[in-house]
């Protein structure tokens, strides 16, 4: 039996194209999920796939990075399949077919290249973030109130007769934010 595995990293992406290619390749069953490939943790469809397959089955993916983004994870997954007598094939790279010695070699080489690519992306992202921070770019959510508004809130809170929820609504913030900005009230 041919079983497909499709994965995308974010909810904004779709794995429909992967599913179509896998079905066209003869997959009778396709398991799919929307999770990052940097780790195999919490990838329920992948775990289900590994438990489901039987000797003589073939697991297929459209691209190697859909299976895993690190060499160690990819190798562990393929070894788990091999222990069960299951072959592994990457559709978009016909030379990755663990039924052949050459396919096994190509699998290991491309898994290593994929991991290196991910490391380079992480390095470039970190460098860009550091540069932006050095130039004064602020990351994260924008503050709900300016410093002047916080001062105004503090002054008003001293004489405000309503509830903290009402005070928060007046400034467009939650009751919890009122208490966070005015710790003397807690």
N, C-alpha and C. Protein backbone atom coordinates (compact mmCIF):
# COMPACT_ATOMS: atom_id res chain seq x y z
N UNK A 1 0.85 -1.18 0.00
CA UNK A 1 0.00 0.00 0.00
C UNK A 1 0.89 1.24 0.00
N UNK A 2 0.51 2.24 -0.77
CA UNK A 2 1.22 3.52 -0.80
C UNK A 2 0.47 4.49 0.10
N UNK A 3 1.21 5.09 1.04
CA UNK A 3 0.63 6.05 1.98
C UNK A 3 1.39 7.36 1.84
N UNK A 4 0.66 8.45 1.70
CA UNK A 4 1.28 9.76 1.54
C UNK A 4 1.28 10.54 2.83
N UNK A 5 2.24 11.45 2.93
CA UNK A 5 2.31 12.36 4.07
C UNK A 5 2.50 13.77 3.52
N UNK A 6 1.60 14.68 3.89
CA UNK A 6 1.68 16.09 3.45
C UNK A 6 1.76 16.97 4.70
N UNK A 7 2.57 18.04 4.60
CA UNK A 7 2.71 18.94 5.74
C UNK A 7 3.00 20.34 5.24
N UNK A 8 2.38 21.32 5.89
CA UNK A 8 2.72 22.73 5.70
C UNK A 8 3.00 23.31 7.08
N UNK A 9 3.74 24.42 7.10
CA UNK A 9 4.18 24.97 8.38
C UNK A 9 3.18 25.88 9.06
N UNK A 10 2.40 26.62 8.27
CA UNK A 10 1.53 27.61 8.89
C UNK A 10 0.09 27.43 8.43
N UNK A 11 -0.81 27.97 9.23
CA UNK A 11 -2.23 27.84 8.92
C UNK A 11 -2.61 28.58 7.65
N UNK A 12 -1.81 29.54 7.22
CA UNK A 12 -2.10 30.27 5.99
C UNK A 12 -1.75 29.49 4.73
N UNK A 13 -1.04 28.39 4.90
CA UNK A 13 -0.65 27.57 3.75
C UNK A 13 -1.63 26.41 3.58
N UNK A 14 -1.61 25.81 2.39
CA UNK A 14 -2.50 24.70 2.09
C UNK A 14 -1.69 23.51 1.60
N UNK A 15 -2.08 22.32 2.02
CA UNK A 15 -1.38 21.12 1.56
C UNK A 15 -2.17 20.39 0.47
N UNK A 16 -3.14 21.06 -0.13
CA UNK A 16 -3.96 20.43 -1.18
C UNK A 16 -3.14 19.99 -2.39
N UNK A 17 -2.18 20.81 -2.82
CA UNK A 17 -1.36 20.45 -3.97
C UNK A 17 -0.55 19.19 -3.66
N UNK A 18 -0.01 19.12 -2.44
CA UNK A 18 0.73 17.93 -2.04
C UNK A 18 -0.18 16.70 -2.07
N UNK A 19 -1.39 16.85 -1.52
CA UNK A 19 -2.33 15.73 -1.50
C UNK A 19 -2.66 15.26 -2.91
N UNK A 20 -2.87 16.20 -3.83
CA UNK A 20 -3.18 15.84 -5.22
C UNK A 20 -2.04 15.04 -5.84
N UNK A 21 -0.80 15.51 -5.66
CA UNK A 21 0.36 14.81 -6.23
C UNK A 21 0.49 13.41 -5.64
N UNK A 22 0.26 13.30 -4.34
CA UNK A 22 0.38 11.99 -3.68
C UNK A 22 -0.68 11.02 -4.18
N UNK A 23 -1.89 11.52 -4.36
CA UNK A 23 -2.97 10.65 -4.88
C UNK A 23 -2.70 10.26 -6.32
N UNK A 24 -2.18 11.20 -7.12
CA UNK A 24 -1.82 10.89 -8.50
C UNK A 24 -0.73 9.82 -8.56
N UNK A 25 0.14 9.79 -7.54
CA UNK A 25 1.23 8.80 -7.49
C UNK A 25 0.73 7.44 -6.99
N UNK A 26 -0.57 7.37 -6.66
CA UNK A 26 -1.14 6.08 -6.26
C UNK A 26 -1.33 5.89 -4.78
N UNK A 27 -1.18 6.94 -4.00
CA UNK A 27 -1.39 6.81 -2.55
C UNK A 27 -2.87 6.56 -2.27
N UNK A 28 -3.13 5.50 -1.54
CA UNK A 28 -4.51 5.17 -1.17
C UNK A 28 -4.96 5.97 0.05
N UNK A 29 -4.00 6.36 0.84
CA UNK A 29 -4.29 7.11 2.07
C UNK A 29 -3.26 8.24 2.16
N UNK A 30 -3.72 9.44 2.54
CA UNK A 30 -2.82 10.58 2.73
C UNK A 30 -3.11 11.18 4.09
N UNK A 31 -2.07 11.27 4.90
CA UNK A 31 -2.19 11.94 6.20
C UNK A 31 -1.54 13.31 6.07
N UNK A 32 -2.19 14.33 6.62
CA UNK A 32 -1.71 15.70 6.44
C UNK A 32 -1.84 16.48 7.74
N UNK A 33 -0.96 17.48 7.90
CA UNK A 33 -1.04 18.34 9.09
C UNK A 33 -0.38 19.69 8.82
N UNK A 34 -0.75 20.67 9.67
CA UNK A 34 -0.20 22.02 9.59
C UNK A 34 0.62 22.27 10.84
N UNK A 35 1.90 21.93 10.76
CA UNK A 35 2.83 22.13 11.87
C UNK A 35 4.23 22.35 11.32
N UNK A 36 5.08 22.99 12.08
CA UNK A 36 6.46 23.21 11.67
C UNK A 36 7.18 21.87 11.53
N UNK A 37 8.11 21.82 10.60
CA UNK A 37 8.88 20.60 10.39
C UNK A 37 10.19 20.60 11.14
N UNK A 38 10.44 21.64 11.96
CA UNK A 38 11.72 21.70 12.65
C UNK A 38 11.84 20.63 13.73
N UNK A 39 10.72 20.06 14.14
CA UNK A 39 10.73 19.02 15.17
C UNK A 39 9.63 18.02 14.86
N UNK A 40 9.80 16.80 15.34
CA UNK A 40 8.76 15.79 15.14
C UNK A 40 7.79 15.76 16.32
N UNK A 41 8.07 16.55 17.34
CA UNK A 41 7.19 16.61 18.51
C UNK A 41 5.80 17.11 18.11
N UNK A 42 4.79 16.50 18.65
CA UNK A 42 3.39 16.90 18.46
C UNK A 42 2.89 16.78 17.02
N UNK A 43 3.61 16.08 16.17
CA UNK A 43 3.14 15.87 14.81
C UNK A 43 2.33 14.57 14.78
N UNK A 44 1.06 14.71 15.14
CA UNK A 44 0.18 13.55 15.31
C UNK A 44 -0.02 12.75 14.02
N UNK A 45 -0.17 13.43 12.88
CA UNK A 45 -0.36 12.71 11.62
C UNK A 45 0.87 11.88 11.29
N UNK A 46 2.06 12.42 11.56
CA UNK A 46 3.29 11.68 11.31
C UNK A 46 3.36 10.45 12.21
N UNK A 47 3.04 10.63 13.49
CA UNK A 47 3.06 9.49 14.42
C UNK A 47 2.04 8.43 14.00
N UNK A 48 0.86 8.88 13.60
CA UNK A 48 -0.17 7.95 13.12
C UNK A 48 0.33 7.18 11.91
N UNK A 49 0.99 7.88 11.01
CA UNK A 49 1.54 7.25 9.80
C UNK A 49 2.53 6.15 10.17
N UNK A 50 3.45 6.46 11.05
CA UNK A 50 4.48 5.48 11.44
C UNK A 50 3.85 4.27 12.11
N UNK A 51 2.82 4.50 12.92
CA UNK A 51 2.12 3.38 13.57
C UNK A 51 1.29 2.58 12.57
N UNK A 52 0.73 3.23 11.57
CA UNK A 52 -0.19 2.62 10.63
C UNK A 52 0.49 1.69 9.61
N UNK A 53 1.66 2.11 9.11
CA UNK A 53 2.29 1.39 8.01
C UNK A 53 2.68 -0.04 8.40
N UNK A 54 2.68 -0.92 7.39
CA UNK A 54 3.02 -2.33 7.58
C UNK A 54 4.10 -2.72 6.57
N UNK A 55 4.72 -3.84 6.81
CA UNK A 55 5.76 -4.36 5.92
C UNK A 55 5.24 -4.41 4.49
N UNK A 56 6.08 -3.91 3.57
CA UNK A 56 5.71 -3.89 2.16
C UNK A 56 5.08 -2.59 1.72
N UNK A 57 4.68 -1.74 2.66
CA UNK A 57 4.10 -0.44 2.32
C UNK A 57 5.20 0.51 1.83
N UNK A 58 4.78 1.59 1.18
CA UNK A 58 5.69 2.65 0.76
C UNK A 58 5.11 3.98 1.22
N UNK A 59 5.92 4.74 1.93
CA UNK A 59 5.53 6.08 2.37
C UNK A 59 6.08 7.06 1.35
N UNK A 60 5.23 8.00 0.93
CA UNK A 60 5.62 8.99 -0.05
C UNK A 60 5.39 10.41 0.46
N UNK A 61 6.30 11.30 0.10
CA UNK A 61 6.13 12.74 0.33
C UNK A 61 6.46 13.44 -0.99
N UNK A 62 6.00 14.67 -1.14
CA UNK A 62 6.29 15.38 -2.38
C UNK A 62 7.72 15.92 -2.37
N UNK A 63 8.17 16.42 -1.21
CA UNK A 63 9.53 16.96 -1.06
C UNK A 63 10.07 16.49 0.27
N UNK A 64 11.37 16.34 0.36
CA UNK A 64 12.00 15.84 1.58
C UNK A 64 11.74 16.74 2.78
N UNK A 65 11.72 18.05 2.57
CA UNK A 65 11.52 18.96 3.71
C UNK A 65 10.10 18.89 4.28
N UNK A 66 9.19 18.23 3.58
CA UNK A 66 7.84 18.02 4.11
C UNK A 66 7.88 16.97 5.22
N UNK A 67 8.86 16.08 5.17
CA UNK A 67 9.01 15.05 6.20
C UNK A 67 9.69 15.61 7.44
N UNK A 68 10.83 16.27 7.24
CA UNK A 68 11.60 16.79 8.38
C UNK A 68 12.56 17.86 7.88
N UNK A 69 12.99 18.73 8.82
CA UNK A 69 13.92 19.80 8.48
C UNK A 69 15.30 19.57 9.06
N UNK A 70 15.48 18.48 9.80
CA UNK A 70 16.82 18.18 10.32
C UNK A 70 17.21 16.78 9.88
N UNK A 71 18.51 16.59 9.70
CA UNK A 71 19.02 15.29 9.29
C UNK A 71 18.64 14.24 10.31
N UNK A 72 18.85 14.55 11.58
CA UNK A 72 18.59 13.54 12.61
C UNK A 72 17.12 13.12 12.62
N UNK A 73 16.20 14.07 12.50
CA UNK A 73 14.77 13.72 12.47
C UNK A 73 14.43 12.90 11.23
N UNK A 74 14.93 13.33 10.07
CA UNK A 74 14.64 12.60 8.83
C UNK A 74 15.17 11.18 8.91
N UNK A 75 16.40 11.04 9.39
CA UNK A 75 17.00 9.71 9.50
C UNK A 75 16.22 8.84 10.49
N UNK A 76 15.84 9.40 11.63
CA UNK A 76 15.06 8.63 12.62
C UNK A 76 13.74 8.13 12.03
N UNK A 77 13.08 9.01 11.30
CA UNK A 77 11.78 8.63 10.70
C UNK A 77 11.97 7.52 9.69
N UNK A 78 12.94 7.69 8.79
CA UNK A 78 13.17 6.69 7.76
C UNK A 78 13.65 5.38 8.37
N UNK A 79 14.49 5.46 9.41
CA UNK A 79 14.92 4.23 10.09
C UNK A 79 13.74 3.52 10.75
N UNK A 80 12.82 4.28 11.34
CA UNK A 80 11.62 3.68 11.94
C UNK A 80 10.80 2.97 10.87
N UNK A 81 10.75 3.56 9.68
CA UNK A 81 10.03 2.93 8.57
C UNK A 81 10.75 1.66 8.10
N UNK A 82 12.07 1.75 7.99
CA UNK A 82 12.86 0.60 7.53
C UNK A 82 12.73 -0.58 8.48
N UNK A 83 12.71 -0.31 9.79
CA UNK A 83 12.56 -1.38 10.78
C UNK A 83 11.26 -2.14 10.55
N UNK A 84 10.25 -1.43 10.09
CA UNK A 84 8.95 -2.05 9.82
C UNK A 84 8.87 -2.64 8.41
N UNK A 85 9.96 -2.53 7.63
CA UNK A 85 9.95 -3.05 6.27
C UNK A 85 9.21 -2.16 5.29
N UNK A 86 9.21 -0.85 5.58
CA UNK A 86 8.49 0.13 4.77
C UNK A 86 9.50 0.96 3.98
N UNK A 87 9.23 1.15 2.70
CA UNK A 87 10.09 1.97 1.84
C UNK A 87 9.67 3.43 1.91
N UNK A 88 10.58 4.31 1.48
CA UNK A 88 10.33 5.75 1.50
C UNK A 88 10.70 6.34 0.15
N UNK A 89 9.80 7.15 -0.42
CA UNK A 89 10.01 7.75 -1.73
C UNK A 89 9.64 9.23 -1.68
N UNK A 90 10.48 10.06 -2.31
CA UNK A 90 10.19 11.49 -2.47
C UNK A 90 9.82 11.71 -3.93
N UNK A 91 8.60 12.15 -4.18
CA UNK A 91 8.10 12.27 -5.54
C UNK A 91 8.85 13.29 -6.39
N UNK A 92 9.12 14.48 -5.85
CA UNK A 92 9.76 15.54 -6.64
C UNK A 92 11.25 15.30 -6.84
N UNK A 93 11.78 14.25 -6.26
CA UNK A 93 13.18 13.88 -6.47
C UNK A 93 13.23 12.36 -6.58
N UNK A 94 13.06 11.89 -7.80
CA UNK A 94 12.96 10.44 -8.03
C UNK A 94 14.19 9.68 -7.57
N UNK A 95 15.32 10.37 -7.37
CA UNK A 95 16.52 9.67 -6.92
C UNK A 95 16.48 9.34 -5.43
N UNK A 96 15.46 9.86 -4.70
CA UNK A 96 15.31 9.49 -3.29
C UNK A 96 14.26 8.39 -3.21
N UNK A 97 14.78 7.19 -3.13
CA UNK A 97 13.94 6.01 -3.07
C UNK A 97 14.73 5.00 -2.25
N UNK A 98 14.34 4.78 -1.01
CA UNK A 98 15.13 3.93 -0.11
C UNK A 98 15.10 2.46 -0.49
N UNK A 99 14.45 2.13 -1.60
CA UNK A 99 14.48 0.76 -2.08
C UNK A 99 15.81 0.45 -2.76
N UNK A 100 16.61 1.53 -3.04
CA UNK A 100 17.90 1.33 -3.71
C UNK A 100 19.02 1.92 -2.85
N UNK A 101 20.24 1.37 -2.96
CA UNK A 101 21.37 1.93 -2.22
C UNK A 101 21.65 3.39 -2.62
N UNK A 102 21.54 3.69 -3.93
CA UNK A 102 21.77 5.06 -4.38
C UNK A 102 20.72 6.01 -3.79
N UNK A 103 19.48 5.54 -3.74
CA UNK A 103 18.41 6.35 -3.17
C UNK A 103 18.64 6.66 -1.70
N UNK A 104 19.16 5.67 -0.97
CA UNK A 104 19.48 5.90 0.45
C UNK A 104 20.57 6.94 0.59
N UNK A 105 21.59 6.86 -0.28
CA UNK A 105 22.69 7.83 -0.21
C UNK A 105 22.17 9.24 -0.52
N UNK A 106 21.41 9.38 -1.58
CA UNK A 106 20.87 10.69 -1.95
C UNK A 106 19.99 11.24 -0.84
N UNK A 107 19.20 10.37 -0.20
CA UNK A 107 18.36 10.79 0.93
C UNK A 107 19.20 11.44 2.01
N UNK A 108 20.30 10.81 2.41
CA UNK A 108 21.14 11.34 3.49
C UNK A 108 21.81 12.65 3.08
N UNK A 109 22.25 12.73 1.84
CA UNK A 109 22.90 13.97 1.37
C UNK A 109 21.90 15.12 1.37
N UNK A 110 20.72 14.90 0.79
CA UNK A 110 19.74 15.99 0.71
C UNK A 110 19.17 16.36 2.08
N UNK A 111 19.07 15.39 2.98
CA UNK A 111 18.63 15.72 4.35
C UNK A 111 19.64 16.65 5.01
N UNK A 112 20.93 16.39 4.78
CA UNK A 112 21.98 17.25 5.34
C UNK A 112 21.92 18.65 4.73
N UNK A 113 21.71 18.73 3.43
CA UNK A 113 21.60 20.03 2.76
C UNK A 113 20.39 20.80 3.30
N UNK A 114 19.27 20.12 3.50
CA UNK A 114 18.07 20.76 4.05
C UNK A 114 18.31 21.33 5.44
N UNK A 115 19.04 20.58 6.27
CA UNK A 115 19.34 21.06 7.62
C UNK A 115 20.26 22.28 7.56
N UNK A 116 21.25 22.25 6.67
CA UNK A 116 22.15 23.39 6.52
C UNK A 116 21.37 24.62 6.07
N UNK A 117 20.46 24.43 5.12
CA UNK A 117 19.63 25.52 4.62
C UNK A 117 18.83 26.16 5.76
N UNK A 118 18.24 25.34 6.60
CA UNK A 118 17.48 25.86 7.74
C UNK A 118 18.37 26.64 8.69
N UNK A 119 19.59 26.15 8.93
CA UNK A 119 20.53 26.85 9.81
C UNK A 119 20.91 28.21 9.23
N UNK A 120 21.13 28.26 7.92
CA UNK A 120 21.48 29.53 7.27
C UNK A 120 20.33 30.53 7.36
N UNK A 121 19.12 30.05 7.18
CA UNK A 121 17.94 30.93 7.30
C UNK A 121 17.86 31.49 8.71
N UNK A 122 18.07 30.64 9.71
CA UNK A 122 18.02 31.09 11.11
C UNK A 122 19.11 32.12 11.39
N UNK A 123 20.32 31.91 10.85
CA UNK A 123 21.41 32.87 11.04
C UNK A 123 21.06 34.22 10.43
N UNK A 124 20.56 34.20 9.18
CA UNK A 124 20.22 35.47 8.51
C UNK A 124 19.09 36.19 9.24
N UNK A 125 18.12 35.44 9.73
CA UNK A 125 17.02 36.05 10.46
C UNK A 125 17.53 36.70 11.75
N UNK A 126 18.40 35.98 12.47
CA UNK A 126 18.96 36.53 13.72
C UNK A 126 19.78 37.79 13.44
N UNK A 127 20.59 37.76 12.38
CA UNK A 127 21.39 38.94 12.02
C UNK A 127 20.48 40.13 11.70
N UNK A 128 19.43 39.89 10.94
CA UNK A 128 18.49 40.96 10.60
C UNK A 128 17.81 41.53 11.82
N UNK A 129 17.42 40.64 12.74
CA UNK A 129 16.76 41.07 13.98
C UNK A 129 17.72 41.92 14.82
N UNK A 130 18.99 41.47 14.95
CA UNK A 130 19.98 42.22 15.73
C UNK A 130 20.23 43.60 15.13
N UNK A 131 20.34 43.65 13.80
CA UNK A 131 20.57 44.93 13.12
C UNK A 131 19.39 45.88 13.35
N UNK A 132 18.19 45.35 13.22
CA UNK A 132 17.00 46.17 13.42
C UNK A 132 16.94 46.70 14.85
N UNK A 133 17.25 45.85 15.81
CA UNK A 133 17.23 46.28 17.21
C UNK A 133 18.27 47.36 17.46
N UNK A 134 19.47 47.22 16.84
CA UNK A 134 20.52 48.22 16.98
C UNK A 134 20.09 49.56 16.39
N UNK A 135 19.21 49.50 15.38
CA UNK A 135 18.71 50.72 14.75
C UNK A 135 17.47 51.26 15.45
N UNK A 136 17.10 50.63 16.57
CA UNK A 136 15.99 51.14 17.37
C UNK A 136 14.62 50.57 17.06
N UNK A 137 14.56 49.58 16.20
CA UNK A 137 13.27 48.96 15.89
C UNK A 137 12.80 48.17 17.10
N UNK A 138 11.55 48.36 17.46
CA UNK A 138 10.98 47.65 18.60
C UNK A 138 10.16 46.47 18.07
N UNK A 139 10.36 45.30 18.66
CA UNK A 139 9.61 44.12 18.28
C UNK A 139 8.51 43.87 19.29
N UNK A 140 7.54 43.13 18.86
CA UNK A 140 6.44 42.79 19.76
C UNK A 140 5.27 43.74 19.59
N UNK A 141 4.30 43.52 20.43
CA UNK A 141 3.08 44.30 20.37
C UNK A 141 3.33 45.74 20.80
N UNK A 142 2.66 46.66 20.14
CA UNK A 142 2.78 48.08 20.49
C UNK A 142 2.13 48.31 21.86
N UNK A 143 2.71 49.21 22.62
CA UNK A 143 2.16 49.54 23.93
C UNK A 143 0.74 50.09 23.77
N UNK A 144 -0.14 49.70 24.68
CA UNK A 144 -1.54 50.13 24.62
C UNK A 144 -1.67 51.63 24.86
N UNK A 145 -0.83 52.17 25.73
CA UNK A 145 -0.89 53.60 26.06
C UNK A 145 0.48 54.23 25.94
N UNK A 146 0.51 55.48 25.55
CA UNK A 146 1.78 56.22 25.52
C UNK A 146 2.16 56.54 26.97
N UNK A 147 3.38 56.99 27.15
CA UNK A 147 3.83 57.34 28.51
C UNK A 147 3.00 58.49 29.07
N UNK A 148 2.60 59.43 28.23
CA UNK A 148 1.76 60.54 28.68
C UNK A 148 0.39 60.03 29.13
N UNK A 149 -0.16 59.05 28.39
CA UNK A 149 -1.46 58.48 28.76
C UNK A 149 -1.36 57.69 30.07
N UNK A 150 -0.23 57.02 30.28
CA UNK A 150 -0.03 56.28 31.53
C UNK A 150 0.02 57.26 32.69
N UNK A 151 0.71 58.38 32.52
CA UNK A 151 0.76 59.41 33.57
C UNK A 151 -0.63 59.96 33.86
N UNK A 152 -1.38 60.21 32.79
CA UNK A 152 -2.75 60.71 32.94
C UNK A 152 -3.60 59.68 33.70
N UNK A 153 -3.46 58.42 33.35
CA UNK A 153 -4.19 57.33 34.03
C UNK A 153 -3.84 57.30 35.51
N UNK A 154 -2.56 57.44 35.83
CA UNK A 154 -2.12 57.41 37.23
C UNK A 154 -2.73 58.57 38.04
N UNK A 155 -2.75 59.73 37.42
CA UNK A 155 -3.33 60.90 38.10
C UNK A 155 -4.84 60.70 38.31
N UNK A 156 -5.50 60.24 37.28
CA UNK A 156 -6.95 60.06 37.36
C UNK A 156 -7.32 58.96 38.34
N UNK A 157 -6.51 57.92 38.43
CA UNK A 157 -6.80 56.78 39.30
C UNK A 157 -6.85 57.20 40.77
N UNK A 158 -6.10 58.25 41.12
CA UNK A 158 -6.06 58.70 42.51
C UNK A 158 -7.43 59.18 42.99
N UNK A 159 -8.22 59.73 42.09
CA UNK A 159 -9.52 60.28 42.50
C UNK A 159 -10.70 59.59 41.82
N UNK A 160 -10.45 58.61 40.98
CA UNK A 160 -11.52 57.94 40.24
C UNK A 160 -12.42 57.16 41.19
N UNK A 161 -13.73 57.35 41.08
CA UNK A 161 -14.67 56.70 42.01
C UNK A 161 -15.30 55.43 41.43
N UNK A 162 -15.16 55.22 40.12
CA UNK A 162 -15.73 54.02 39.49
C UNK A 162 -14.84 52.82 39.69
N UNK A 163 -15.22 51.72 39.06
CA UNK A 163 -14.44 50.49 39.16
C UNK A 163 -13.20 50.55 38.27
N UNK A 164 -12.28 49.66 38.52
CA UNK A 164 -11.06 49.60 37.71
C UNK A 164 -11.42 49.17 36.28
N UNK A 165 -12.44 48.36 36.11
CA UNK A 165 -12.91 47.96 34.78
C UNK A 165 -13.38 49.19 34.01
N UNK A 166 -14.15 50.07 34.68
CA UNK A 166 -14.65 51.30 34.05
C UNK A 166 -13.49 52.21 33.67
N UNK A 167 -12.51 52.30 34.56
CA UNK A 167 -11.34 53.13 34.28
C UNK A 167 -10.59 52.58 33.07
N UNK A 168 -10.43 51.28 33.01
CA UNK A 168 -9.77 50.65 31.88
C UNK A 168 -10.50 50.91 30.57
N UNK A 169 -11.85 50.80 30.61
CA UNK A 169 -12.65 51.03 29.40
C UNK A 169 -12.46 52.45 28.90
N UNK A 170 -12.36 53.39 29.82
CA UNK A 170 -12.18 54.79 29.45
C UNK A 170 -10.88 54.98 28.65
N UNK A 171 -9.85 54.18 28.96
CA UNK A 171 -8.57 54.29 28.28
C UNK A 171 -8.37 53.21 27.20
N UNK A 172 -9.38 52.36 27.03
CA UNK A 172 -9.29 51.32 26.01
C UNK A 172 -8.37 50.18 26.38
N UNK A 173 -8.26 49.92 27.69
CA UNK A 173 -7.41 48.82 28.16
C UNK A 173 -8.21 47.94 29.12
N UNK A 174 -7.69 46.76 29.40
CA UNK A 174 -8.40 45.83 30.28
C UNK A 174 -8.16 46.18 31.75
N UNK A 175 -8.97 45.60 32.59
CA UNK A 175 -8.83 45.76 34.04
C UNK A 175 -7.45 45.27 34.49
N UNK A 176 -7.01 44.13 33.90
CA UNK A 176 -5.70 43.57 34.26
C UNK A 176 -4.58 44.55 33.90
N UNK A 177 -4.72 45.24 32.77
CA UNK A 177 -3.71 46.22 32.38
C UNK A 177 -3.70 47.41 33.33
N UNK A 178 -4.86 47.81 33.80
CA UNK A 178 -4.93 48.90 34.80
C UNK A 178 -4.10 48.50 36.02
N UNK A 179 -4.30 47.28 36.52
CA UNK A 179 -3.56 46.83 37.70
C UNK A 179 -2.06 46.68 37.40
N UNK A 180 -1.71 46.27 36.18
CA UNK A 180 -0.30 46.13 35.82
C UNK A 180 0.37 47.50 35.76
N UNK A 181 -0.34 48.51 35.23
CA UNK A 181 0.24 49.86 35.13
C UNK A 181 0.20 50.60 36.45
N UNK A 182 -0.69 50.19 37.34
CA UNK A 182 -0.82 50.85 38.63
C UNK A 182 -0.66 49.83 39.75
N UNK A 183 0.56 49.33 39.96
CA UNK A 183 0.76 48.26 40.93
C UNK A 183 0.40 48.67 42.35
N UNK A 184 0.36 49.96 42.62
CA UNK A 184 0.01 50.42 43.97
C UNK A 184 -1.46 50.10 44.31
N UNK A 185 -2.28 49.80 43.29
CA UNK A 185 -3.69 49.47 43.52
C UNK A 185 -3.88 48.02 43.97
N UNK A 186 -2.92 47.18 43.65
CA UNK A 186 -3.07 45.74 43.91
C UNK A 186 -3.03 45.38 45.36
